[in-house]
């Protein structure tokens, strides 16, 4: 009987080669069917790399001819498709190196520079930010500000001492004067004057007058008058007025019953 093993082996090898060729043609067929073009293709037996229009062979790879120096491709179809390298900036479609001035540093983004602490930008340089006497520099939210020490307030670019009047003290809050009066006194043009507390009132430093009426009374200029509560009514929550009881309603200065 004839030996069929050799024939079967040659047939299997031919099938493998044919299958491999088919698999190699599939990507090319997909590209042709989609209507797109490959940026580069191998030129067969001629050797070398042939790039499409707008690309050129650089060190064995196809790169864009309009890509400026010190730039890289972003792979995005939007915009120019390239960006400048770290430490360079786009100036007229050219990537120029960022010159960092004295007392400055290159930002982490690589596309700008910033001044060091205690320096501020003036044009293209960094000038020292000098705090006035009795003041200091504070950085808040990325901005440097000059503040004055305790007991001083800012006037223009200087820190001047706060003159606290008699019966007053330095304020913990940043006020225009920098001081507040003691309890029992209120601010006036001459300084801190004693608060005259009327009858049925008590000292209350949180009010402008410095005093507050007791419950059941209400302020009327410089005195406290009693709240007249009509029948079927009661004092309100603050104690300086009245409200009708349920089911009565207010009509002028009286409380009348609702009649169905």
C-alpha atoms as a PDB file:
ATOM      1  CA  UNK A   1       0.000   0.000   0.000  1.00  0.00           C
ATOM      2  CA  UNK A   2       1.280   3.546  -0.760  1.00  0.00           C
ATOM      3  CA  UNK A   3       2.557   5.596   2.183  1.00  0.00           C
ATOM      4  CA  UNK A   4      -0.002   8.359   2.806  1.00  0.00           C
ATOM      5  CA  UNK A   5       1.685   9.891   5.925  1.00  0.00           C
ATOM      6  CA  UNK A   6       3.940  12.180   3.877  1.00  0.00           C
ATOM      7  CA  UNK A   7       1.023  13.406   1.767  1.00  0.00           C
ATOM      8  CA  UNK A   8      -1.031  14.112   4.894  1.00  0.00           C
ATOM      9  CA  UNK A   9       1.883  16.072   6.466  1.00  0.00           C
ATOM     10  CA  UNK A  10       2.304  18.255   3.352  1.00  0.00           C
ATOM     11  CA  UNK A  11      -1.439  18.920   3.293  1.00  0.00           C
ATOM     12  CA  UNK A  12      -1.456  20.005   6.962  1.00  0.00           C
ATOM     13  CA  UNK A  13       1.475  22.391   6.395  1.00  0.00           C
ATOM     14  CA  UNK A  14      -0.236  23.951   3.367  1.00  0.00           C
ATOM     15  CA  UNK A  15      -3.417  24.412   5.414  1.00  0.00           C
ATOM     16  CA  UNK A  16      -1.494  26.164   8.210  1.00  0.00           C
ATOM     17  CA  UNK A  17       0.243  28.526   5.755  1.00  0.00           C
ATOM     18  CA  UNK A  18      -3.059  29.316   4.032  1.00  0.00           C
ATOM     19  CA  UNK A  19      -4.787  30.012   7.346  1.00  0.00           C
ATOM     20  CA  UNK A  20      -1.930  32.293   8.451  1.00  0.00           C
ATOM     21  CA  UNK A  21      -2.171  34.321   5.224  1.00  0.00           C
ATOM     22  CA  UNK A  22      -5.924  34.719   5.683  1.00  0.00           C
ATOM     23  CA  UNK A  23      -5.441  35.994   9.239  1.00  0.00           C
ATOM     24  CA  UNK A  24      -2.830  38.511   8.020  1.00  0.00           C
ATOM     25  CA  UNK A  25      -5.262  39.907   5.427  1.00  0.00           C
ATOM     26  CA  UNK A  26      -8.150  40.393   7.878  1.00  0.00           C
ATOM     27  CA  UNK A  27      -6.844  43.710   9.437  1.00  0.00           C
ATOM     28  CA  UNK A  28      -6.142  45.133   5.960  1.00  0.00           C
ATOM     29  CA  UNK A  29      -9.639  44.199   4.763  1.00  0.00           C
ATOM     30  CA  UNK A  30     -11.210  45.792   7.858  1.00  0.00           C
ATOM     31  CA  UNK A  31      -9.304  49.039   7.272  1.00  0.00           C
ATOM     32  CA  UNK A  32     -10.341  49.132   3.587  1.00  0.00           C
ATOM     33  CA  UNK A  33     -13.983  48.465   4.460  1.00  0.00           C
ATOM     34  CA  UNK A  34     -14.035  51.221   7.113  1.00  0.00           C
ATOM     35  CA  UNK A  35     -12.728  53.809   4.650  1.00  0.00           C
ATOM     36  CA  UNK A  36      -9.681  54.748   6.771  1.00  0.00           C
ATOM     37  CA  UNK A  37      -6.008  54.584   5.960  1.00  0.00           C
ATOM     38  CA  UNK A  38      -3.107  53.312   7.954  1.00  0.00           C
ATOM     39  CA  UNK A  39      -0.535  55.990   8.866  1.00  0.00           C
ATOM     40  CA  UNK A  40       2.234  53.746   7.694  1.00  0.00           C
ATOM     41  CA  UNK A  41       2.655  50.464   5.857  1.00  0.00           C
ATOM     42  CA  UNK A  42       5.502  48.125   5.124  1.00  0.00           C
ATOM     43  CA  UNK A  43       6.666  48.223   1.506  1.00  0.00           C
ATOM     44  CA  UNK A  44       6.995  44.435   1.038  1.00  0.00           C
ATOM     45  CA  UNK A  45      10.127  43.181  -0.581  1.00  0.00           C
ATOM     46  CA  UNK A  46      11.305  46.738  -1.366  1.00  0.00           C
ATOM     47  CA  UNK A  47      12.258  47.101   2.322  1.00  0.00           C
ATOM     48  CA  UNK A  48      12.074  50.206   4.567  1.00  0.00           C
ATOM     49  CA  UNK A  49       9.042  52.024   6.029  1.00  0.00           C
ATOM     50  CA  UNK A  50       6.758  54.047   3.746  1.00  0.00           C
ATOM     51  CA  UNK A  51       4.696  56.663   5.620  1.00  0.00           C
ATOM     52  CA  UNK A  52       1.467  58.325   4.481  1.00  0.00           C
ATOM     53  CA  UNK A  53       1.210  61.977   3.557  1.00  0.00           C
ATOM     54  CA  UNK A  54       1.815  64.231   6.569  1.00  0.00           C
ATOM     55  CA  UNK A  55       4.139  61.675   8.184  1.00  0.00           C
ATOM     56  CA  UNK A  56       7.826  60.919   7.785  1.00  0.00           C
ATOM     57  CA  UNK A  57      10.167  58.107   8.756  1.00  0.00           C
ATOM     58  CA  UNK A  58      12.121  59.032  11.880  1.00  0.00           C
ATOM     59  CA  UNK A  59      14.213  56.310  13.479  1.00  0.00           C
ATOM     60  CA  UNK A  60      12.010  53.556  12.080  1.00  0.00           C
ATOM     61  CA  UNK A  61       8.638  55.090  13.012  1.00  0.00           C
ATOM     62  CA  UNK A  62       6.181  57.375  11.235  1.00  0.00           C
ATOM     63  CA  UNK A  63       5.942  60.786  12.901  1.00  0.00           C
ATOM     64  CA  UNK A  64       3.987  63.875  11.894  1.00  0.00           C
ATOM     65  CA  UNK A  65       5.924  66.387   9.834  1.00  0.00           C
ATOM     66  CA  UNK A  66       4.112  69.355  11.485  1.00  0.00           C
ATOM     67  CA  UNK A  67       4.993  68.240  15.045  1.00  0.00           C
ATOM     68  CA  UNK A  68       7.161  71.016  16.544  1.00  0.00           C
ATOM     69  CA  UNK A  69      10.302  70.337  18.511  1.00  0.00           C
ATOM     70  CA  UNK A  70       9.873  69.618  22.239  1.00  0.00           C
ATOM     71  CA  UNK A  71       6.284  68.428  21.716  1.00  0.00           C
ATOM     72  CA  UNK A  72       4.456  65.125  21.865  1.00  0.00           C
ATOM     73  CA  UNK A  73       1.354  63.639  20.258  1.00  0.00           C
ATOM     74  CA  UNK A  74      -1.750  63.505  22.445  1.00  0.00           C
ATOM     75  CA  UNK A  75      -3.557  60.899  20.360  1.00  0.00           C
ATOM     76  CA  UNK A  76      -6.673  63.086  20.362  1.00  0.00           C
ATOM     77  CA  UNK A  77      -8.560  64.113  17.237  1.00  0.00           C
ATOM     78  CA  UNK A  78      -9.451  67.457  18.828  1.00  0.00           C
ATOM     79  CA  UNK A  79      -7.289  70.551  18.557  1.00  0.00           C
ATOM     80  CA  UNK A  80      -3.787  70.387  17.157  1.00  0.00           C
ATOM     81  CA  UNK A  81      -3.249  66.820  18.329  1.00  0.00           C
ATOM     82  CA  UNK A  82      -0.045  67.686  20.185  1.00  0.00           C
ATOM     83  CA  UNK A  83       1.115  69.474  23.328  1.00  0.00           C
ATOM     84  CA  UNK A  84       4.409  70.887  24.528  1.00  0.00           C
ATOM     85  CA  UNK A  85       6.676  68.887  26.798  1.00  0.00           C
ATOM     86  CA  UNK A  86       7.001  69.606  30.515  1.00  0.00           C
ATOM     87  CA  UNK A  87       8.829  72.915  30.964  1.00  0.00           C
ATOM     88  CA  UNK A  88       7.782  74.312  27.583  1.00  0.00           C
ATOM     89  CA  UNK A  89       4.880  76.506  26.470  1.00  0.00           C
ATOM     90  CA  UNK A  90       3.041  76.944  23.172  1.00  0.00           C
ATOM     91  CA  UNK A  91       3.956  80.260  21.575  1.00  0.00           C
ATOM     92  CA  UNK A  92       2.751  80.628  17.988  1.00  0.00           C
ATOM     93  CA  UNK A  93       2.607  76.862  17.348  1.00  0.00           C
ATOM     94  CA  UNK A  94       6.180  76.570  18.655  1.00  0.00           C
ATOM     95  CA  UNK A  95       7.212  75.062  21.987  1.00  0.00           C
ATOM     96  CA  UNK A  96       9.469  77.543  23.762  1.00  0.00           C
ATOM     97  CA  UNK A  97      11.280  76.765  26.991  1.00  0.00           C
ATOM     98  CA  UNK A  98       9.836  78.453  30.090  1.00  0.00           C
ATOM     99  CA  UNK A  99      12.434  80.764  31.627  1.00  0.00           C
ATOM    100  CA  UNK A 100      12.068  80.659  35.415  1.00  0.00           C
ATOM    101  CA  UNK A 101      13.224  83.940  37.025  1.00  0.00           C
ATOM    102  CA  UNK A 102      15.118  84.293  40.267  1.00  0.00           C
ATOM    103  CA  UNK A 103      13.190  83.472  43.469  1.00  0.00           C
ATOM    104  CA  UNK A 104      10.662  81.387  41.504  1.00  0.00           C
ATOM    105  CA  UNK A 105      10.031  77.756  40.602  1.00  0.00           C
ATOM    106  CA  UNK A 106       8.430  75.783  37.787  1.00  0.00           C
ATOM    107  CA  UNK A 107       4.860  74.780  38.672  1.00  0.00           C
ATOM    108  CA  UNK A 108       3.965  71.098  38.867  1.00  0.00           C
ATOM    109  CA  UNK A 109       1.857  71.470  35.701  1.00  0.00           C
ATOM    110  CA  UNK A 110       5.049  72.345  33.829  1.00  0.00           C
ATOM    111  CA  UNK A 111       3.445  75.124  31.792  1.00  0.00           C
ATOM    112  CA  UNK A 112       4.068  78.142  34.082  1.00  0.00           C
ATOM    113  CA  UNK A 113       6.193  79.427  36.966  1.00  0.00           C
ATOM    114  CA  UNK A 114       5.312  80.759  40.406  1.00  0.00           C
ATOM    115  CA  UNK A 115       7.106  82.950  42.921  1.00  0.00           C
ATOM    116  CA  UNK A 116       8.559  81.528  46.126  1.00  0.00           C
ATOM    117  CA  UNK A 117       7.008  82.304  49.501  1.00  0.00           C
ATOM    118  CA  UNK A 118       7.519  85.913  50.655  1.00  0.00           C
ATOM    119  CA  UNK A 119       7.851  86.983  47.008  1.00  0.00           C
ATOM    120  CA  UNK A 120       5.199  88.378  44.681  1.00  0.00           C
ATOM    121  CA  UNK A 121       5.031  88.540  40.894  1.00  0.00           C
ATOM    122  CA  UNK A 122       5.689  91.915  39.282  1.00  0.00           C
ATOM    123  CA  UNK A 123       5.754  91.571  35.510  1.00  0.00           C
ATOM    124  CA  UNK A 124       8.169  88.775  34.673  1.00  0.00           C
ATOM    125  CA  UNK A 125      10.089  88.939  37.970  1.00  0.00           C
ATOM    126  CA  UNK A 126       9.560  88.049  41.629  1.00  0.00           C
ATOM    127  CA  UNK A 127       9.986  90.898  44.104  1.00  0.00           C
ATOM    128  CA  UNK A 128      10.335  90.370  47.835  1.00  0.00           C
ATOM    129  CA  UNK A 129       7.184  90.966  49.875  1.00  0.00           C
ATOM    130  CA  UNK A 130       8.382  92.923  52.915  1.00  0.00           C
ATOM    131  CA  UNK A 131       6.102  92.940  55.938  1.00  0.00           C
ATOM    132  CA  UNK A 132       5.826  96.277  57.782  1.00  0.00           C
ATOM    133  CA  UNK A 133       6.995  96.735  61.353  1.00  0.00           C
ATOM    134  CA  UNK A 134       4.613  95.018  63.785  1.00  0.00           C
ATOM    135  CA  UNK A 135       3.198  92.963  60.887  1.00  0.00           C
ATOM    136  CA  UNK A 136       3.642  89.604  59.195  1.00  0.00           C
ATOM    137  CA  UNK A 137       2.896  87.802  55.911  1.00  0.00           C
ATOM    138  CA  UNK A 138       0.246  85.074  55.863  1.00  0.00           C
ATOM    139  CA  UNK A 139      -0.583  82.742  52.975  1.00  0.00           C
ATOM    140  CA  UNK A 140      -4.291  82.005  52.604  1.00  0.00           C
ATOM    141  CA  UNK A 141      -5.865  80.116  49.684  1.00  0.00           C
ATOM    142  CA  UNK A 142      -2.673  80.524  47.664  1.00  0.00           C
ATOM    143  CA  UNK A 143      -2.534  84.328  48.124  1.00  0.00           C
ATOM    144  CA  UNK A 144      -0.076  86.163  50.386  1.00  0.00           C
ATOM    145  CA  UNK A 145      -1.549  88.856  52.632  1.00  0.00           C
ATOM    146  CA  UNK A 146      -0.046  91.279  55.156  1.00  0.00           C
ATOM    147  CA  UNK A 147      -1.606  91.254  58.631  1.00  0.00           C
ATOM    148  CA  UNK A 148      -0.783  93.242  61.753  1.00  0.00           C
ATOM    149  CA  UNK A 149       0.199  91.905  65.153  1.00  0.00           C
ATOM    150  CA  UNK A 150      -2.152  91.956  68.141  1.00  0.00           C
ATOM    151  CA  UNK A 151      -2.731  95.542  69.268  1.00  0.00           C
ATOM    152  CA  UNK A 152      -2.056  97.014  65.821  1.00  0.00           C
ATOM    153  CA  UNK A 153      -4.261  97.697  62.805  1.00  0.00           C
ATOM    154  CA  UNK A 154      -3.452  98.164  59.139  1.00  0.00           C
ATOM    155  CA  UNK A 155      -3.420 101.651  57.643  1.00  0.00           C
ATOM    156  CA  UNK A 156      -2.313 101.708  54.010  1.00  0.00           C
ATOM    157  CA  UNK A 157       0.900  99.642  54.074  1.00  0.00           C
ATOM    158  CA  UNK A 158       1.758 100.228  57.749  1.00  0.00           C
ATOM    159  CA  UNK A 159       0.688  98.719  61.062  1.00  0.00           C
ATOM    160  CA  UNK A 160      -0.161 101.405  63.650  1.00  0.00           C
ATOM    161  CA  UNK A 161      -0.867 100.930  67.345  1.00  0.00           C
ATOM    162  CA  UNK A 162      -4.545 100.839  68.387  1.00  0.00           C
ATOM    163  CA  UNK A 163      -5.416 103.536  70.927  1.00  0.00           C
ATOM    164  CA  UNK A 164      -7.840 101.952  73.387  1.00  0.00           C
ATOM    165  CA  UNK A 165      -9.995 104.475  75.310  1.00  0.00           C
ATOM    166  CA  UNK A 166     -10.719 104.300  79.020  1.00  0.00           C
ATOM    167  CA  UNK A 167     -13.213 101.573  79.969  1.00  0.00           C
ATOM    168  CA  UNK A 168     -12.438  99.749  76.728  1.00  0.00           C
ATOM    169  CA  UNK A 169     -10.375  96.775  75.588  1.00  0.00           C
ATOM    170  CA  UNK A 170      -8.837  95.342  72.427  1.00  0.00           C
ATOM    171  CA  UNK A 171     -11.329  93.451  70.277  1.00  0.00           C
ATOM    172  CA  UNK A 172     -10.869  89.795  69.377  1.00  0.00           C
ATOM    173  CA  UNK A 173     -12.591  90.501  66.053  1.00  0.00           C
ATOM    174  CA  UNK A 174     -11.202  92.604  63.194  1.00  0.00           C
ATOM    175  CA  UNK A 175     -13.232  95.792  63.601  1.00  0.00           C
ATOM    176  CA  UNK A 176     -12.616  99.232  62.156  1.00  0.00           C
ATOM    177  CA  UNK A 177     -11.588 100.617  65.566  1.00  0.00           C
ATOM    178  CA  UNK A 178      -9.923  97.492  66.919  1.00  0.00           C
ATOM    179  CA  UNK A 179     -11.472  97.952  70.383  1.00  0.00           C
ATOM    180  CA  UNK A 180     -14.799  97.530  72.203  1.00  0.00           C
ATOM    181  CA  UNK A 181     -16.177  98.967  75.426  1.00  0.00           C
ATOM    182  CA  UNK A 182     -16.516  97.053  78.690  1.00  0.00           C
ATOM    183  CA  UNK A 183     -19.900  95.768  79.763  1.00  0.00           C
ATOM    184  CA  UNK A 184     -21.924  98.705  81.117  1.00  0.00           C
ATOM    185  CA  UNK A 185     -20.336 101.129  78.638  1.00  0.00           C
ATOM    186  CA  UNK A 186     -21.001 101.943  74.993  1.00  0.00           C
ATOM    187  CA  UNK A 187     -18.895 103.538  72.284  1.00  0.00           C
ATOM    188  CA  UNK A 188     -19.254 107.283  71.704  1.00  0.00           C
ATOM    189  CA  UNK A 189     -17.181 110.022  70.065  1.00  0.00           C
ATOM    190  CA  UNK A 190     -15.504 110.769  73.390  1.00  0.00           C
ATOM    191  CA  UNK A 191     -14.710 107.080  74.021  1.00  0.00           C
ATOM    192  CA  UNK A 192     -16.649 104.671  76.240  1.00  0.00           C
ATOM    193  CA  UNK A 193     -19.579 106.262  78.094  1.00  0.00           C
ATOM    194  CA  UNK A 194     -21.579 104.613  80.922  1.00  0.00           C
ATOM    195  CA  UNK A 195     -24.859 103.013  79.897  1.00  0.00           C
ATOM    196  CA  UNK A 196     -27.904 104.553  81.611  1.00  0.00           C
ATOM    197  CA  UNK A 197     -30.148 101.563  82.387  1.00  0.00           C
ATOM    198  CA  UNK A 198     -33.830 102.577  82.663  1.00  0.00           C
ATOM    199  CA  UNK A 199     -36.353 101.036  85.057  1.00  0.00           C
ATOM    200  CA  UNK A 200     -37.476  97.482  84.212  1.00  0.00           C
ATOM    201  CA  UNK A 201     -34.317  96.917  82.112  1.00  0.00           C
ATOM    202  CA  UNK A 202     -30.946  95.178  82.484  1.00  0.00           C
ATOM    203  CA  UNK A 203     -27.499  95.379  80.896  1.00  0.00           C
ATOM    204  CA  UNK A 204     -27.217  93.528  77.613  1.00  0.00           C
ATOM    205  CA  UNK A 205     -23.913  94.137  75.739  1.00  0.00           C
ATOM    206  CA  UNK A 206     -25.159  92.499  72.533  1.00  0.00           C
ATOM    207  CA  UNK A 207     -27.651  95.346  71.871  1.00  0.00           C
ATOM    208  CA  UNK A 208     -26.813  98.767  70.419  1.00  0.00           C
ATOM    209  CA  UNK A 209     -28.294 100.654  73.409  1.00  0.00           C
ATOM    210  CA  UNK A 210     -26.431  98.483  75.919  1.00  0.00           C
ATOM    211  CA  UNK A 211     -29.619  97.499  77.778  1.00  0.00           C
ATOM    212  CA  UNK A 212     -32.680  95.350  77.229  1.00  0.00           C
ATOM    213  CA  UNK A 213     -36.188  95.486  78.680  1.00  0.00           C
ATOM    214  CA  UNK A 214     -37.420  92.819  81.038  1.00  0.00           C
ATOM    215  CA  UNK A 215     -40.104  90.370  79.922  1.00  0.00           C
ATOM    216  CA  UNK A 216     -43.504  92.073  79.816  1.00  0.00           C
ATOM    217  CA  UNK A 217     -41.979  95.397  78.766  1.00  0.00           C
ATOM    218  CA  UNK A 218     -40.865  96.861  75.433  1.00  0.00           C
ATOM    219  CA  UNK A 219     -38.353  99.565  74.582  1.00  0.00           C
ATOM    220  CA  UNK A 220     -39.681 103.007  73.758  1.00  0.00           C
ATOM    221  CA  UNK A 221     -36.746 105.348  73.102  1.00  0.00           C
ATOM    222  CA  UNK A 222     -34.805 105.509  76.400  1.00  0.00           C
ATOM    223  CA  UNK A 223     -37.314 103.732  78.670  1.00  0.00           C
ATOM    224  CA  UNK A 224     -39.262 100.476  79.036  1.00  0.00           C
ATOM    225  CA  UNK A 225     -43.088 100.557  78.902  1.00  0.00           C
ATOM    226  CA  UNK A 226     -45.379  97.745  80.075  1.00  0.00           C
ATOM    227  CA  UNK A 227     -47.053  95.524  77.492  1.00  0.00           C
ATOM    228  CA  UNK A 228     -50.852  95.742  77.933  1.00  0.00           C
ATOM    229  CA  UNK A 229     -52.241  92.249  77.388  1.00  0.00           C
ATOM    230  CA  UNK A 230     -55.994  92.191  76.554  1.00  0.00           C
ATOM    231  CA  UNK A 231     -58.442  89.511  77.600  1.00  0.00           C
ATOM    232  CA  UNK A 232     -58.045  86.067  76.010  1.00  0.00           C
ATOM    233  CA  UNK A 233     -54.390  86.812  75.132  1.00  0.00           C
ATOM    234  CA  UNK A 234     -50.879  86.053  76.417  1.00  0.00           C
ATOM    235  CA  UNK A 235     -47.317  87.389  76.080  1.00  0.00           C
ATOM    236  CA  UNK A 236     -45.454  86.301  72.968  1.00  0.00           C
ATOM    237  CA  UNK A 237     -42.257  84.257  72.990  1.00  0.00           C
ATOM    238  CA  UNK A 238     -39.961  87.324  73.202  1.00  0.00           C
ATOM    239  CA  UNK A 239     -42.068  88.906  75.930  1.00  0.00           C
ATOM    240  CA  UNK A 240     -42.335  92.298  74.226  1.00  0.00           C
ATOM    241  CA  UNK A 241     -45.838  91.812  72.719  1.00  0.00           C
ATOM    242  CA  UNK A 242     -48.963  89.666  72.949  1.00  0.00           C
ATOM    243  CA  UNK A 243     -50.840  86.990  71.001  1.00  0.00           C
ATOM    244  CA  UNK A 244     -54.438  85.794  71.133  1.00  0.00           C
ATOM    245  CA  UNK A 245     -55.359  82.489  72.732  1.00  0.00           C
ATOM    246  CA  UNK A 246     -56.996  79.784  70.616  1.00  0.00           C
ATOM    247  CA  UNK A 247     -59.637  79.963  69.204  1.00  0.00           C
ATOM    248  CA  UNK A 248     -59.566  83.788  69.349  1.00  0.00           C
ATOM    249  CA  UNK A 249     -58.221  86.085  66.617  1.00  0.00           C
ATOM    250  CA  UNK A 250     -56.743  89.553  66.857  1.00  0.00           C
ATOM    251  CA  UNK A 251     -58.814  92.548  65.787  1.00  0.00           C
ATOM    252  CA  UNK A 252     -57.052  95.846  66.498  1.00  0.00           C
ATOM    253  CA  UNK A 253     -56.189  95.719  70.228  1.00  0.00           C
ATOM    254  CA  UNK A 254     -58.634  92.964  71.176  1.00  0.00           C
ATOM    255  CA  UNK A 255     -59.075  89.229  70.798  1.00  0.00           C
ATOM    256  CA  UNK A 256     -62.462  88.143  69.418  1.00  0.00           C
ATOM    257  CA  UNK A 257     -63.875  84.626  69.236  1.00  0.00           C
ATOM    258  CA  UNK A 258     -64.362  82.997  65.866  1.00  0.00           C
ATOM    259  CA  UNK A 259     -68.049  82.292  65.299  1.00  0.00           C
ATOM    260  CA  UNK A 260     -68.793  79.378  62.898  1.00  0.00           C
END
